[in-house]
Amino acid sequence: MNDTVRIIEMGARDGLQNEKTPVSVAGRIAFIERLLDAGLHTIEVGAFVSPKAIPQMVGSDEVLRGVSHLPGEFHVLVPNEKGYETARACGAKVVSVFTAASEGFCRANINCGIAESIERFKPVVARARADGVRVRGYISTVLGCPFDGAVKPRAVADVAKTLWDLGCYEISLGDTIGVGTPTKAKEMLRAVGAHIPMASLAMHFHDTYGQALANLYAGMEEGVRVIDAAAGGLGGCPFAPGATGNVATEDVVYMLEGMGIKTGVDMSKLLTATNEITALIGRTPASRVANALNAKKRKANSE
């Protein structure tokens, strides 16, 4: 367990797109710059989606252009060929496509079933591979769905294998509503791992029921070494009442460093990035570590 773990920072996209208060292009660029300075080098920075569907991601083209000169790997979400073309024109080198492991969530989220969603982005994957652009695949609701309830590991494995066979270099497995527990996480990962190398899987676990870190640890025991996280625990899920954002990057870094796993992340700088972005959207961080460190700072300043 003392080897390398790669953290993919989700705050600027998956986090902010689910926050009610939109952040300007300049604000998002400044946030990404802070995250880079903290040592997070792989960051998802935007989504090339309908502005009516996700107004928080308006200006993703400007954000991508605004950070493209910086030393980092920047990912963007694209739902279809139109989104891909726009992203590519902005210099995108890594794009993400998305579907779900449950029919109910897929229909509620993108108005189509799983099979149709895959058909929609097949041309994206084909064009990206021809252009030398890497494609990451997201699967939502891998441990439970707000509409369909429990999701069978086999269903997740089937979708994951389809994305892998299409040419996605990495599959991110999302517990979108944060209902999973360690045993269920292991069962799901073993089912997927029967078809795809563990080294090509990522865990994208939300923390609604406080299980995200335990689930991540369980997944690491199975051999997964990529973790999606969002600074400050930003985000949520519009289809799941009470669903919180992705597991907080601060909490993940604290756990990993405490286990002797070097992350390369400067916690003090990460805390600054988190405090600045949460202040912009008018709320406190959902991160236990950020709140503990902020409280410690306030106490020290008052003495």
Protein backbone atom coordinates (compact mmCIF):
# COMPACT_ATOMS: atom_id res chain seq x y z
CA MET A 1 0.00 0.00 0.00
CA ASN A 2 3.01 2.32 0.16
CA ASP A 3 3.35 2.92 -3.56
CA THR A 4 2.14 5.81 -5.71
CA VAL A 5 -1.48 6.97 -5.89
CA ARG A 6 -2.52 9.43 -8.59
CA ILE A 7 -5.14 12.03 -7.65
CA ILE A 8 -7.34 13.49 -10.39
CA GLU A 9 -8.71 16.83 -9.21
CA MET A 10 -12.41 17.23 -10.02
CA GLY A 11 -13.26 20.47 -8.24
CA ALA A 12 -13.17 22.80 -11.22
CA ARG A 13 -15.62 20.67 -13.22
CA ASP A 14 -17.54 17.99 -11.35
CA GLY A 15 -17.47 20.12 -8.23
CA LEU A 16 -18.46 23.52 -9.56
CA GLN A 17 -21.01 22.26 -12.08
CA ASN A 18 -23.18 21.01 -9.21
CA GLU A 19 -22.89 24.15 -7.09
CA LYS A 20 -25.76 26.62 -7.31
CA THR A 21 -23.52 29.69 -7.48
CA PRO A 22 -21.69 29.98 -10.81
CA VAL A 23 -18.04 31.00 -10.81
CA SER A 24 -16.66 33.29 -13.50
CA VAL A 25 -14.08 32.17 -16.04
CA ALA A 26 -11.43 34.26 -14.25
CA GLY A 27 -12.43 32.71 -10.93
CA ARG A 28 -12.17 29.19 -12.31
CA ILE A 29 -8.79 29.86 -13.89
CA ALA A 30 -7.49 31.29 -10.61
CA PHE A 31 -8.79 28.19 -8.80
CA ILE A 32 -7.00 25.88 -11.24
CA GLU A 33 -3.79 27.88 -10.86
CA ARG A 34 -4.01 27.47 -7.07
CA LEU A 35 -4.57 23.73 -7.43
CA LEU A 36 -1.54 23.41 -9.71
CA ASP A 37 0.55 25.37 -7.25
CA ALA A 38 -0.55 22.96 -4.52
CA GLY A 39 0.86 20.04 -6.52
CA LEU A 40 -2.25 18.70 -8.24
CA HIS A 41 -1.11 18.22 -11.82
CA THR A 42 -4.09 16.42 -13.36
CA ILE A 43 -7.22 18.55 -13.27
CA GLU A 44 -10.58 18.35 -15.01
CA VAL A 45 -11.23 21.96 -15.96
CA GLY A 46 -14.55 22.11 -17.81
CA ALA A 47 -17.38 20.53 -19.74
CA PHE A 48 -18.41 21.22 -23.34
CA VAL A 49 -22.10 20.71 -22.74
CA SER A 50 -25.31 22.65 -23.35
CA PRO A 51 -25.30 25.97 -21.45
CA LYS A 52 -28.99 25.40 -20.74
CA ALA A 53 -28.28 22.05 -19.13
CA ILE A 54 -25.26 23.14 -17.09
CA PRO A 55 -24.91 26.94 -17.00
CA GLN A 56 -22.08 26.66 -14.45
CA MET A 57 -19.82 25.33 -17.21
CA VAL A 58 -20.38 28.22 -19.63
CA GLY A 59 -16.99 29.51 -20.75
CA SER A 60 -15.20 26.17 -20.53
CA ASP A 61 -13.53 27.02 -23.85
CA GLU A 62 -12.05 30.17 -22.29
CA VAL A 63 -10.98 28.27 -19.19
CA LEU A 64 -9.18 25.60 -21.21
CA ARG A 65 -7.45 28.19 -23.36
CA GLY A 66 -6.60 30.18 -20.23
CA VAL A 67 -4.74 27.30 -18.57
CA SER A 68 -3.35 25.46 -21.59
CA HIS A 69 0.05 27.15 -21.25
CA LEU A 70 0.43 25.96 -17.66
CA PRO A 71 2.34 22.78 -16.68
CA GLY A 72 -0.43 20.26 -16.10
CA GLU A 73 -2.72 17.69 -17.68
CA PHE A 74 -6.16 19.17 -18.27
CA HIS A 75 -9.26 17.07 -18.90
CA VAL A 76 -12.63 18.20 -20.25
CA LEU A 77 -15.98 16.45 -20.45
CA VAL A 78 -17.59 16.05 -23.88
CA PRO A 79 -21.03 14.48 -24.46
CA ASN A 80 -21.03 14.30 -28.25
CA GLU A 81 -19.19 15.17 -31.46
CA LYS A 82 -20.15 18.84 -31.29
CA GLY A 83 -18.65 19.08 -27.81
CA TYR A 84 -15.57 17.23 -28.98
CA GLU A 85 -15.03 19.55 -31.94
CA THR A 86 -15.24 22.62 -29.71
CA ALA A 87 -12.91 21.08 -27.13
CA ARG A 88 -10.43 20.06 -29.80
CA ALA A 89 -10.44 23.56 -31.27
CA CYS A 90 -9.43 24.81 -27.81
CA GLY A 91 -6.51 22.40 -27.71
CA ALA A 92 -7.97 19.58 -25.59
CA LYS A 93 -5.55 16.65 -25.24
CA VAL A 94 -7.64 14.51 -22.88
CA VAL A 95 -11.43 14.25 -23.06
CA SER A 96 -13.94 12.34 -20.97
CA VAL A 97 -17.17 10.64 -22.04
CA PHE A 98 -19.84 9.47 -19.65
CA THR A 99 -22.63 7.00 -19.13
CA ALA A 100 -24.14 5.14 -16.17
CA ALA A 101 -24.48 1.63 -14.81
CA SER A 102 -28.23 2.11 -14.21
CA GLU A 103 -30.90 2.84 -16.80
CA GLY A 104 -32.90 5.11 -14.51
CA PHE A 105 -30.04 7.48 -13.83
CA CYS A 106 -28.92 7.51 -17.45
CA ARG A 107 -32.39 8.51 -18.62
CA ALA A 108 -32.77 11.18 -15.93
CA ASN A 109 -29.31 12.60 -16.57
CA ILE A 110 -29.02 12.58 -20.37
CA ASN A 111 -32.48 11.55 -21.60
CA CYS A 112 -31.48 8.19 -23.05
CA GLY A 113 -30.66 4.65 -22.06
CA ILE A 114 -27.19 3.23 -21.50
CA ALA A 115 -26.89 1.66 -24.96
CA GLU A 116 -27.96 4.86 -26.69
CA SER A 117 -25.56 6.96 -24.61
CA ILE A 118 -22.70 4.77 -25.75
CA GLU A 119 -23.80 5.04 -29.37
CA ARG A 120 -23.77 8.84 -29.00
CA PHE A 121 -20.15 9.00 -27.97
CA LYS A 122 -18.76 6.17 -30.10
CA PRO A 123 -17.87 8.70 -32.86
CA VAL A 124 -16.18 10.88 -30.23
CA VAL A 125 -13.91 8.05 -29.14
CA ALA A 126 -13.15 7.11 -32.75
CA ARG A 127 -12.26 10.68 -33.72
CA ALA A 128 -10.23 11.25 -30.57
CA ARG A 129 -8.17 8.12 -31.17
CA ALA A 130 -7.54 9.21 -34.75
CA ASP A 131 -6.46 12.64 -33.48
CA GLY A 132 -4.17 11.22 -30.79
CA VAL A 133 -6.44 12.53 -28.02
CA ARG A 134 -6.83 10.26 -25.00
CA VAL A 135 -10.34 9.39 -23.82
CA ARG A 136 -11.34 8.71 -20.23
CA GLY A 137 -14.66 6.98 -19.55
CA TYR A 138 -16.96 7.75 -16.62
CA ILE A 139 -19.59 5.37 -15.30
CA SER A 140 -22.06 6.83 -12.80
CA THR A 141 -24.08 4.98 -10.13
CA VAL A 142 -21.76 2.00 -9.82
CA LEU A 143 -22.77 1.31 -6.21
CA GLY A 144 -26.39 2.44 -6.24
CA CYS A 145 -28.94 4.51 -8.13
CA PRO A 146 -31.53 7.01 -6.81
CA PHE A 147 -34.06 5.58 -9.30
CA ASP A 148 -33.23 1.89 -9.68
CA GLY A 149 -31.80 1.15 -6.25
CA ALA A 150 -29.03 -1.43 -5.95
CA VAL A 151 -26.78 -1.91 -8.98
CA LYS A 152 -25.31 -5.34 -9.69
CA PRO A 153 -21.51 -5.53 -10.08
CA ARG A 154 -22.02 -7.46 -13.31
CA ALA A 155 -23.93 -4.52 -14.79
CA VAL A 156 -21.02 -2.19 -13.98
CA ALA A 157 -18.53 -4.66 -15.41
CA ASP A 158 -20.48 -4.95 -18.68
CA VAL A 159 -20.54 -1.18 -19.22
CA ALA A 160 -16.90 -0.81 -18.21
CA LYS A 161 -15.81 -3.52 -20.65
CA THR A 162 -17.72 -1.78 -23.44
CA LEU A 163 -15.89 1.51 -22.75
CA TRP A 164 -12.56 -0.29 -22.49
CA ASP A 165 -13.11 -2.13 -25.76
CA LEU A 166 -14.01 1.15 -27.47
CA GLY A 167 -10.62 2.54 -26.52
CA CYS A 168 -10.95 4.48 -23.25
CA TYR A 169 -7.53 4.43 -21.57
CA GLU A 170 -9.01 4.67 -18.07
CA ILE A 171 -12.43 3.96 -16.57
CA SER A 172 -13.60 6.10 -13.65
CA LEU A 173 -16.15 4.29 -11.50
CA GLY A 174 -18.54 6.69 -9.79
CA ASP A 175 -20.52 6.13 -6.61
CA THR A 176 -22.56 9.15 -7.65
CA ILE A 177 -24.89 9.20 -4.65
CA GLY A 178 -22.37 7.97 -2.11
CA VAL A 179 -24.30 4.92 -0.87
CA GLY A 180 -21.55 2.33 -1.20
CA THR A 181 -19.77 0.49 1.60
CA PRO A 182 -16.32 -1.16 1.53
CA THR A 183 -17.56 -4.70 0.89
CA LYS A 184 -19.79 -3.56 -1.97
CA ALA A 185 -16.96 -1.46 -3.40
CA LYS A 186 -14.66 -4.49 -3.39
CA GLU A 187 -17.27 -6.70 -5.04
CA MET A 188 -17.83 -4.15 -7.77
CA LEU A 189 -14.12 -3.61 -8.39
CA ARG A 190 -13.44 -7.34 -8.56
CA ALA A 191 -16.20 -7.74 -11.14
CA VAL A 192 -14.80 -4.93 -13.27
CA GLY A 193 -11.22 -6.05 -12.67
CA ALA A 194 -12.00 -9.39 -14.25
CA HIS A 195 -12.14 -7.57 -17.61
CA ILE A 196 -9.94 -4.49 -17.15
CA PRO A 197 -6.54 -4.11 -15.44
CA MET A 198 -6.84 -2.51 -12.00
CA ALA A 199 -4.14 -0.06 -13.11
CA SER A 200 -6.62 1.33 -15.65
CA LEU A 201 -9.43 1.93 -13.15
CA ALA A 202 -10.16 5.01 -11.05
CA MET A 203 -12.42 5.45 -8.02
CA HIS A 204 -14.81 8.40 -8.05
CA PHE A 205 -16.59 8.10 -4.72
CA HIS A 206 -18.95 10.66 -3.21
CA ASP A 207 -19.23 11.00 0.55
CA THR A 208 -22.95 11.32 1.22
CA TYR A 209 -23.00 8.63 3.93
CA GLY A 210 -19.45 9.24 5.14
CA GLN A 211 -18.12 6.08 3.48
CA ALA A 212 -15.90 7.49 0.76
CA LEU A 213 -12.51 7.15 2.49
CA ALA A 214 -13.33 3.65 3.71
CA ASN A 215 -14.41 2.69 0.21
CA LEU A 216 -11.25 4.17 -1.28
CA TYR A 217 -9.11 2.21 1.15
CA ALA A 218 -10.98 -0.96 0.23
CA GLY A 219 -10.38 -0.23 -3.45
CA MET A 220 -6.69 0.37 -2.82
CA GLU A 221 -6.53 -3.06 -1.18
CA GLU A 222 -7.84 -4.42 -4.49
CA GLY A 223 -5.06 -2.64 -6.37
CA VAL A 224 -6.67 0.55 -7.70
CA ARG A 225 -4.24 3.47 -7.60
CA VAL A 226 -6.18 6.36 -9.15
CA ILE A 227 -8.55 8.51 -7.09
CA ASP A 228 -10.88 11.27 -8.28
CA ALA A 229 -11.35 13.95 -5.62
CA ALA A 230 -12.66 17.51 -5.38
CA ALA A 231 -11.07 20.27 -3.32
CA GLY A 232 -13.31 21.14 -0.40
CA GLY A 233 -15.69 18.29 -1.26
CA LEU A 234 -17.36 20.51 -3.87
CA GLY A 235 -20.39 19.31 -5.79
CA GLY A 236 -23.35 17.00 -5.35
CA CYS A 237 -25.93 15.24 -7.49
CA PRO A 238 -29.14 16.98 -8.62
CA PHE A 239 -30.99 13.66 -8.82
CA ALA A 240 -30.16 12.47 -5.31
CA PRO A 241 -31.47 14.58 -2.41
CA GLY A 242 -28.75 15.07 0.17
CA ALA A 243 -25.98 13.73 -2.04
CA THR A 244 -22.73 15.49 -1.26
CA GLY A 245 -19.85 16.21 -3.57
CA ASN A 246 -16.93 14.01 -4.45
CA VAL A 247 -14.66 12.97 -1.60
CA ALA A 248 -12.63 16.00 -0.52
CA THR A 249 -9.08 16.18 -1.86
CA GLU A 250 -7.82 17.36 1.55
CA ASP A 251 -9.27 14.27 3.24
CA VAL A 252 -7.73 11.95 0.64
CA VAL A 253 -4.31 13.62 0.90
CA TYR A 254 -4.40 13.47 4.71
CA MET A 255 -5.24 9.75 4.64
CA LEU A 256 -2.63 8.86 2.03
CA GLU A 257 0.17 10.87 3.62
CA GLY A 258 -0.72 9.34 6.98
CA MET A 259 -0.28 5.92 5.38
CA GLY A 260 3.18 6.86 4.12
CA ILE A 261 2.01 7.34 0.54
CA LYS A 262 3.49 10.49 -0.94
CA THR A 263 1.02 12.60 -2.92
CA GLY A 264 3.22 15.57 -3.81
CA VAL A 265 0.42 17.84 -2.57
CA ASP A 266 1.14 20.82 -0.30
CA MET A 267 -1.75 20.78 2.18
CA SER A 268 -1.34 24.44 3.13
CA LYS A 269 -1.61 25.57 -0.50
CA LEU A 270 -4.50 23.19 -1.15
CA LEU A 271 -6.31 24.65 1.85
CA THR A 272 -5.82 28.15 0.42
CA ALA A 273 -7.33 27.05 -2.90
CA THR A 274 -10.28 25.46 -1.11
CA ASN A 275 -10.94 28.44 1.13
CA GLU A 276 -10.85 30.86 -1.79
CA ILE A 277 -13.25 28.89 -4.00
CA THR A 278 -15.73 28.11 -1.22
CA ALA A 279 -15.74 31.78 -0.24
CA LEU A 280 -16.59 32.65 -3.84
CA ILE A 281 -19.64 30.38 -3.80
CA GLY A 282 -20.65 31.41 -0.31
CA ARG A 283 -20.26 28.25 1.72
CA THR A 284 -17.86 26.42 3.97
CA PRO A 285 -15.83 23.42 2.76
CA ALA A 286 -17.39 19.97 3.07
CA SER A 287 -13.93 18.62 3.91
CA ARG A 288 -13.34 17.40 7.46
CA VAL A 289 -9.63 18.11 7.16
CA ALA A 290 -10.13 21.61 5.75
CA ASN A 291 -12.55 22.50 8.53
CA ALA A 292 -10.22 21.10 11.20
CA LEU A 293 -7.23 23.02 9.83
CA ASN A 294 -9.26 26.21 9.49
CA ALA A 295 -10.42 25.90 13.09
CA LYS A 296 -6.84 25.36 14.20
CA LYS A 297 -5.79 28.49 12.30
CA ARG A 298 -8.55 30.59 13.86
CA LYS A 299 -7.57 29.45 17.33
CA ALA A 300 -3.90 30.22 16.70
CA ASN A 301 -4.78 33.68 15.36
CA SER A 302 -6.96 34.49 18.36
CA GLU A 303 -4.26 33.69 20.91
